Amino acid sequence: MKQARCWLLVVVALMLLPHAAFAQQKKPGAKPAAAKPGATAPAGGDIDIDDPNAAPAQPAQPQTEDLDGPQPAQPSGDTGAAAGGGICEIDPSACPKQGDVKALAARPVKAEVYAVQQIYALRRGRFELNPYFGFSLNDQFVGHPGPGLALNYYLTNVLAIGINGTYYQPFNTDSDFNFQNRRATRLAVPLNEYLAGAAFNFTYVPMYGKFSGFGNFIFHYDGYLVGGVGTMVTRPIAVIDPDNRKFDWEPRVSFNVGFGLRIFLNRWLAVTAEVRDYIYVEQLESTTVGRTQQEQQDSSTWFGEKPLTNNVQAQLGISMFLPFSWEYRLPK
C-alpha cells in the first residue's frame, strides 16, 4: 500500500515538471525600453500604456495585387467618383433634362378627380315615369309581347310605391313550334291570350354603384327589387273546337316579383332592364268535345284545367325622374 502511494506521488511530480520548466519568472525591477520621441511602434508590437512617450501603433496599410508586385493602396478623397458616380453617369437617358422638365410642366392637366362623392341621382320625393316594352320568356307555344307604363313615387331614397300596366291584345302571337306540332301530331295544345295586366307594386333599391365607359365618362347604376299584386285579363284560345266555342275576357288575380337594373345617362334619365314573373291561376280550354251538337254548344263543357301559371316577362325601357333637378340638404 505504501509503495502504491509512492508511485502515485512520482507520477504527479513527472506531470508537473514540464509546466515548471516552461514558466518564466519576470525579474523584479525590469522595465521595457522606452521608445524614442517620434518613433513609431512596429506593426504588431506591444505598447506600454504607462509610458507617456509611447506613440500609438499605426494600422497596417492594405496592399493591392498588381502585375509588378504588391503595392500599398492609395487612399482616395472622392469615394463617389471612384465608385463610378450616380445613375445619371451610368444611364444619362434616365435623368430628365431641363428642356424635358419644361415640356412636362406645360402639359394640359385633367382636373377632374372622381372620388367618393354624394349620390349622383337622388330619388326621394321624386316621381319615376317608366315606359317599357315587354315580351314573354318561358312560353314556347304562344308569345305575349306588349308595351307598358310604370309610375313610381319614392318615399325614401330606396323605397317606392307605384303602379304599372301592360297592354297585350294586338301583339299575341302563336309560335311556329306550336303550329308545326299541331300539323305533325294532329294534337292541339290549349292556349291563352292576354288582353292587359295591371299591378300595384313596392320597389326597394338595395344596390347602387358606378362604372366607367367611353373614356372618362362615369355611368351610375342601381339595382332594385319589385313585387306587387294586381290582375291579368285573359281568355282561352279556341283551338280544340273553334266552330262552337267562343270565350270572353275574364280578370284573374295575379302576383308579381322581379328585379331590375337602371343605368343613369344623366341625373334624371336612365335606361332600365327588368325581369318580372306574373303568377296567376289560368283557365284552359277543355281538350274533349261533346258527342252531340247540344253538348258541343253547352258552354259549361268548354273549360278544362286551372293550372298555376308563371308568365316570366322581360321589360326594356327608359326611366325619367321628375322633377329634373334637386338640392342636397346637408345636416346643420
Protein backbone atom coordinates (compact mmCIF):
# COMPACT_ATOMS: atom_id res chain seq x y z
CA MET A 1 0.00 0.00 0.00
CA LYS A 2 2.84 2.37 0.86
CA GLN A 3 4.57 1.55 -2.43
CA ALA A 4 1.40 2.44 -4.35
CA ARG A 5 1.31 5.83 -2.70
CA CYS A 6 4.96 6.45 -3.52
CA TRP A 7 4.46 5.61 -7.16
CA LEU A 8 1.43 7.92 -7.31
CA LEU A 9 3.49 10.82 -5.97
CA VAL A 10 6.21 10.13 -8.56
CA VAL A 11 3.66 10.22 -11.42
CA VAL A 12 2.22 13.55 -10.23
CA ALA A 13 5.69 15.04 -9.96
CA LEU A 14 6.56 13.97 -13.51
CA MET A 15 3.37 15.58 -14.80
CA LEU A 16 4.11 18.92 -13.11
CA LEU A 17 7.75 19.03 -14.24
CA PRO A 18 7.16 20.30 -17.85
CA HIS A 19 4.95 23.18 -16.66
CA ALA A 20 7.56 24.36 -14.24
CA ALA A 21 10.25 24.20 -16.90
CA PHE A 22 8.36 26.41 -19.41
CA ALA A 23 7.25 29.05 -16.95
CA GLN A 24 9.40 32.22 -16.93
CA GLN A 25 9.60 34.44 -13.97
CA LYS A 26 9.80 38.22 -14.53
CA LYS A 27 12.78 39.81 -12.95
CA PRO A 28 11.92 42.40 -10.40
CA GLY A 29 12.62 45.97 -11.41
CA ALA A 30 12.91 45.23 -15.13
CA LYS A 31 11.12 47.74 -17.41
CA PRO A 32 10.66 47.73 -21.13
CA ALA A 33 12.87 50.03 -23.15
CA ALA A 34 11.30 53.43 -23.71
CA ALA A 35 10.63 54.39 -27.28
CA LYS A 36 12.30 57.43 -28.69
CA PRO A 37 10.23 60.52 -29.30
CA GLY A 38 8.67 60.47 -32.80
CA ALA A 39 9.36 56.81 -33.23
CA THR A 40 6.50 54.53 -34.20
CA ALA A 41 5.95 51.13 -32.80
CA PRO A 42 6.47 48.25 -35.18
CA ALA A 43 3.41 46.65 -36.62
CA GLY A 44 2.07 44.06 -34.29
CA GLY A 45 4.29 45.28 -31.35
CA ASP A 46 3.30 45.96 -27.77
CA ILE A 47 2.83 49.41 -26.28
CA ASP A 48 3.27 50.22 -22.66
CA ILE A 49 0.36 52.36 -21.65
CA ASP A 50 2.34 53.67 -18.65
CA ASP A 51 4.97 55.28 -20.90
CA PRO A 52 3.92 58.83 -21.93
CA ASN A 53 6.41 58.86 -24.83
CA ALA A 54 4.98 55.79 -26.46
CA ALA A 55 3.37 56.51 -29.85
CA PRO A 56 0.21 54.74 -30.88
CA ALA A 57 0.58 51.97 -33.36
CA GLN A 58 -0.49 52.79 -36.91
CA PRO A 59 -2.69 50.29 -38.68
CA ALA A 60 -1.04 48.35 -41.41
CA GLN A 61 -1.77 49.62 -44.93
CA PRO A 62 -3.64 47.13 -47.11
CA GLN A 63 -1.89 46.02 -50.24
CA THR A 64 -3.32 45.53 -53.70
CA GLU A 65 -2.24 42.95 -56.16
CA ASP A 66 -0.50 44.20 -59.27
CA LEU A 67 1.43 42.60 -62.07
CA ASP A 68 4.62 44.21 -60.80
CA GLY A 69 4.12 43.04 -57.25
CA PRO A 70 2.24 44.11 -54.16
CA GLN A 71 1.86 47.85 -53.75
CA PRO A 72 0.27 49.84 -50.97
CA ALA A 73 -3.25 51.07 -51.76
CA GLN A 74 -3.57 54.82 -52.12
CA PRO A 75 -6.44 56.45 -50.24
CA SER A 76 -8.91 58.37 -52.38
CA GLY A 77 -10.53 61.63 -51.35
CA ASP A 78 -13.69 61.21 -53.53
CA THR A 79 -15.35 57.87 -52.88
CA GLY A 80 -18.34 58.59 -55.11
CA ALA A 81 -16.17 59.39 -58.12
CA ALA A 82 -14.12 56.24 -57.58
CA ALA A 83 -17.35 54.19 -57.41
CA GLY A 84 -18.46 55.38 -60.84
CA GLY A 85 -20.88 58.25 -59.99
CA GLY A 86 -24.74 58.14 -59.84
CA ILE A 87 -27.41 56.81 -62.16
CA CYS A 88 -27.04 59.83 -64.41
CA GLU A 89 -23.42 58.84 -65.27
CA ILE A 90 -24.41 55.21 -65.82
CA ASP A 91 -27.51 55.95 -67.93
CA PRO A 92 -27.80 59.62 -68.98
CA SER A 93 -31.21 58.97 -70.58
CA ALA A 94 -32.66 58.12 -67.14
CA CYS A 95 -32.17 61.66 -65.85
CA PRO A 96 -34.57 64.40 -67.06
CA LYS A 97 -33.10 67.37 -68.83
CA GLN A 98 -34.07 70.96 -68.28
CA GLY A 99 -35.99 71.03 -71.57
CA ASP A 100 -37.93 67.89 -70.62
CA VAL A 101 -38.95 69.39 -67.30
CA LYS A 102 -40.34 72.47 -69.05
CA ALA A 103 -42.26 70.30 -71.54
CA LEU A 104 -43.77 68.21 -68.75
CA ALA A 105 -44.80 71.34 -66.86
CA ALA A 106 -46.55 72.70 -69.99
CA ARG A 107 -48.73 69.60 -70.46
CA PRO A 108 -52.52 70.03 -70.06
CA VAL A 109 -53.70 68.64 -66.74
CA LYS A 110 -57.11 66.98 -66.35
CA ALA A 111 -58.53 68.50 -63.21
CA GLU A 112 -61.42 66.02 -62.72
CA VAL A 113 -60.80 63.64 -59.86
CA TYR A 114 -63.50 61.01 -59.44
CA ALA A 115 -63.54 60.04 -55.78
CA VAL A 116 -66.17 59.09 -53.26
CA GLN A 117 -68.99 61.55 -53.82
CA GLN A 118 -72.62 62.18 -52.99
CA ILE A 119 -75.36 60.10 -54.61
CA TYR A 120 -75.49 61.03 -58.27
CA ALA A 121 -79.29 60.87 -58.65
CA LEU A 122 -81.42 61.31 -55.58
CA ARG A 123 -84.80 59.53 -55.70
CA ARG A 124 -86.52 60.66 -52.52
CA GLY A 125 -89.61 62.80 -53.20
CA ARG A 126 -89.40 62.25 -56.99
CA PHE A 127 -91.68 60.53 -59.48
CA GLU A 128 -90.33 57.90 -61.87
CA LEU A 129 -92.06 57.58 -65.23
CA ASN A 130 -91.04 54.32 -66.91
CA PRO A 131 -92.35 53.43 -70.40
CA TYR A 132 -91.23 49.95 -71.45
CA PHE A 133 -91.83 47.10 -73.88
CA GLY A 134 -92.18 43.56 -72.52
CA PHE A 135 -92.09 40.09 -74.03
CA SER A 136 -92.53 36.56 -72.65
CA LEU A 137 -89.53 34.35 -71.88
CA ASN A 138 -90.94 30.97 -70.80
CA ASP A 139 -93.84 30.16 -73.17
CA GLN A 140 -92.82 28.16 -76.22
CA PHE A 141 -96.30 27.90 -77.71
CA VAL A 142 -97.55 31.50 -77.65
CA GLY A 143 -95.95 34.91 -77.17
CA HIS A 144 -97.31 37.82 -75.14
CA PRO A 145 -95.36 40.95 -76.08
CA GLY A 146 -96.73 44.40 -75.45
CA PRO A 147 -95.97 47.97 -74.39
CA GLY A 148 -96.38 49.12 -70.80
CA LEU A 149 -96.05 52.07 -68.48
CA ALA A 150 -94.99 52.26 -64.82
CA LEU A 151 -95.29 55.17 -62.40
CA ASN A 152 -93.47 55.13 -59.05
CA TYR A 153 -93.12 57.61 -56.22
CA TYR A 154 -90.10 57.34 -53.92
CA LEU A 155 -90.98 57.75 -50.24
CA THR A 156 -87.28 57.47 -49.36
CA ASN A 157 -84.17 57.17 -51.45
CA VAL A 158 -84.56 53.36 -51.53
CA LEU A 159 -88.30 52.67 -51.16
CA ALA A 160 -91.08 53.46 -53.64
CA ILE A 161 -94.72 52.66 -54.27
CA GLY A 162 -96.27 52.64 -57.72
CA ILE A 163 -98.43 51.06 -60.39
CA ASN A 164 -97.77 49.57 -63.79
CA GLY A 165 -99.84 48.31 -66.67
CA THR A 166 -99.18 46.33 -69.88
CA TYR A 167 -101.36 46.06 -72.98
CA TYR A 168 -101.09 42.74 -74.90
CA GLN A 169 -104.12 42.27 -77.14
CA PRO A 170 -102.85 43.22 -80.63
CA PHE A 171 -99.49 41.52 -80.09
CA ASN A 172 -100.38 37.94 -79.01
CA THR A 173 -98.67 35.53 -81.42
CA ASP A 174 -98.91 31.80 -81.98
CA SER A 175 -95.43 30.30 -82.21
CA ASP A 176 -94.16 28.34 -85.20
CA PHE A 177 -93.33 25.45 -82.87
CA ASN A 178 -96.99 25.13 -81.87
CA PHE A 179 -98.15 25.22 -85.50
CA GLN A 180 -95.67 22.53 -86.54
CA ASN A 181 -96.63 20.41 -83.53
CA ARG A 182 -100.34 20.52 -84.39
CA ARG A 183 -99.73 19.69 -88.03
CA ALA A 184 -97.35 16.80 -87.33
CA THR A 185 -99.12 15.11 -84.40
CA ARG A 186 -102.74 16.18 -85.02
CA LEU A 187 -102.80 17.29 -81.39
CA ALA A 188 -103.75 20.71 -80.11
CA VAL A 189 -102.25 22.38 -77.08
CA PRO A 190 -104.62 24.64 -75.08
CA LEU A 191 -103.54 28.25 -75.45
CA ASN A 192 -104.48 31.54 -73.85
CA GLU A 193 -104.21 35.13 -74.90
CA TYR A 194 -103.84 38.26 -72.79
CA LEU A 195 -105.77 41.49 -73.04
CA ALA A 196 -103.97 43.57 -70.41
CA GLY A 197 -102.44 43.47 -66.97
CA ALA A 198 -102.11 45.94 -64.10
CA ALA A 199 -100.47 45.82 -60.67
CA PHE A 200 -99.78 47.83 -57.54
CA ASN A 201 -96.09 47.50 -56.63
CA PHE A 202 -93.44 48.14 -53.99
CA THR A 203 -89.87 48.85 -55.11
CA TYR A 204 -86.75 48.53 -52.96
CA VAL A 205 -83.28 49.68 -54.11
CA PRO A 206 -80.57 47.77 -52.18
CA MET A 207 -77.68 48.31 -54.60
CA TYR A 208 -76.00 51.39 -56.04
CA GLY A 209 -72.69 51.89 -57.84
CA LYS A 210 -70.84 53.26 -60.84
CA PHE A 211 -68.50 52.18 -63.63
CA SER A 212 -66.51 53.93 -66.32
CA GLY A 213 -67.09 53.71 -70.05
CA PHE A 214 -66.43 55.58 -73.30
CA GLY A 215 -63.19 57.04 -71.99
CA ASN A 216 -63.65 59.08 -68.84
CA PHE A 217 -67.45 59.02 -68.70
CA ILE A 218 -68.83 57.62 -65.43
CA PHE A 219 -72.08 55.62 -65.51
CA HIS A 220 -74.08 55.41 -62.30
CA TYR A 221 -76.44 52.49 -61.81
CA ASP A 222 -78.71 50.93 -59.22
CA GLY A 223 -80.34 47.54 -58.82
CA TYR A 224 -83.84 47.16 -57.42
CA LEU A 225 -86.34 44.52 -56.32
CA VAL A 226 -90.04 44.83 -57.14
CA GLY A 227 -93.14 42.97 -56.06
CA GLY A 228 -96.87 43.54 -56.00
CA VAL A 229 -100.40 42.35 -56.59
CA GLY A 230 -102.79 43.05 -59.45
CA THR A 231 -104.85 41.48 -62.18
CA MET A 232 -104.40 39.76 -65.54
CA VAL A 233 -107.24 39.82 -68.09
CA THR A 234 -107.01 36.65 -70.21
CA ARG A 235 -109.10 34.12 -72.11
CA PRO A 236 -108.55 30.71 -73.74
CA ILE A 237 -107.95 30.50 -77.47
CA ALA A 238 -110.45 28.13 -79.13
CA VAL A 239 -108.22 25.59 -80.84
CA ILE A 240 -109.96 22.28 -79.92
CA ASP A 241 -113.43 23.14 -81.24
CA PRO A 242 -113.24 26.62 -82.79
CA ASP A 243 -116.55 26.16 -84.66
CA ASN A 244 -118.66 26.08 -81.50
CA ARG A 245 -116.54 27.67 -78.74
CA LYS A 246 -116.10 31.36 -78.11
CA PHE A 247 -114.51 32.64 -74.88
CA ASP A 248 -114.85 36.00 -73.16
CA TRP A 249 -112.18 38.01 -71.33
CA GLU A 250 -112.02 37.44 -67.59
CA PRO A 251 -109.85 39.15 -64.93
CA ARG A 252 -107.66 36.98 -62.72
CA VAL A 253 -105.79 37.89 -59.55
CA SER A 254 -102.04 37.88 -60.11
CA PHE A 255 -98.95 38.42 -58.02
CA ASN A 256 -95.63 39.57 -59.37
CA VAL A 257 -91.99 39.56 -58.23
CA GLY A 258 -88.91 40.67 -60.11
CA PHE A 259 -85.66 42.54 -60.19
CA GLY A 260 -84.25 45.25 -62.43
CA LEU A 261 -81.26 47.41 -63.27
CA ARG A 262 -81.13 51.15 -64.04
CA ILE A 263 -78.16 52.84 -65.75
CA PHE A 264 -78.27 56.63 -65.49
CA LEU A 265 -77.38 58.72 -68.53
CA ASN A 266 -77.75 61.91 -66.50
CA ARG A 267 -79.38 62.92 -63.21
CA TRP A 268 -82.95 62.39 -64.47
CA LEU A 269 -82.78 59.94 -67.39
CA ALA A 270 -81.89 56.24 -67.16
CA VAL A 271 -82.08 53.04 -69.23
CA THR A 272 -83.89 50.16 -67.49
CA ALA A 273 -83.90 46.39 -67.85
CA GLU A 274 -86.22 44.25 -65.74
CA VAL A 275 -87.34 40.63 -65.40
CA ARG A 276 -90.68 40.06 -63.66
CA ASP A 277 -92.74 36.93 -63.04
CA TYR A 278 -96.54 37.37 -63.12
CA ILE A 279 -98.10 34.48 -61.18
CA TYR A 280 -101.81 33.71 -61.51
CA VAL A 281 -104.31 30.85 -61.96
CA GLU A 282 -105.14 30.37 -65.63
CA GLN A 283 -108.30 28.89 -67.19
CA LEU A 284 -107.59 26.49 -70.09
CA GLU A 285 -109.81 25.12 -72.81
CA SER A 286 -111.13 21.59 -72.43
CA THR A 287 -109.45 19.02 -74.68
CA THR A 288 -112.63 16.93 -75.02
CA VAL A 289 -115.58 17.63 -77.30
CA GLY A 290 -119.19 16.59 -76.74
CA ARG A 291 -120.72 13.92 -78.94
CA THR A 292 -123.92 15.72 -79.78
CA GLN A 293 -124.48 19.20 -81.14
CA GLN A 294 -126.22 20.21 -77.96
CA GLU A 295 -123.25 19.12 -75.80
CA GLN A 296 -120.82 20.89 -78.09
CA GLN A 297 -122.72 24.18 -77.76
CA ASP A 298 -123.04 23.90 -73.97
CA SER A 299 -120.50 26.46 -72.59
CA SER A 300 -120.09 24.53 -69.33
CA THR A 301 -118.20 21.84 -71.26
CA TRP A 302 -115.74 24.24 -72.82
CA PHE A 303 -113.47 24.74 -69.81
CA GLY A 304 -110.76 22.41 -68.62
CA GLU A 305 -107.90 22.66 -66.11
CA LYS A 306 -106.94 25.66 -63.99
CA PRO A 307 -103.14 25.46 -63.60
CA LEU A 308 -100.92 27.90 -61.73
CA THR A 309 -99.23 29.91 -64.48
CA ASN A 310 -95.94 31.82 -64.45
CA ASN A 311 -95.67 34.48 -67.11
CA VAL A 312 -91.98 35.45 -66.93
CA GLN A 313 -91.61 38.72 -68.76
CA ALA A 314 -88.56 40.78 -69.72
CA GLN A 315 -89.07 44.55 -69.88
CA LEU A 316 -86.77 47.09 -71.56
CA GLY A 317 -87.42 50.81 -71.30
CA ILE A 318 -86.32 54.20 -70.03
CA SER A 319 -86.91 55.98 -66.73
CA MET A 320 -87.50 59.70 -66.34
CA PHE A 321 -87.34 61.25 -62.86
CA LEU A 322 -89.47 64.29 -62.08
CA PRO A 323 -88.61 66.98 -61.11
CA PHE A 324 -85.44 67.07 -63.17
CA SER A 325 -83.26 68.79 -60.53
CA TRP A 326 -82.99 68.97 -56.74
CA GLU A 327 -80.82 70.38 -53.97
CA TYR A 328 -78.89 68.47 -51.34
CA ARG A 329 -79.93 69.21 -47.75
CA LEU A 330 -76.90 68.83 -45.54
CA PRO A 331 -77.24 68.42 -41.72
CA LYS A 332 -76.69 71.62 -39.74
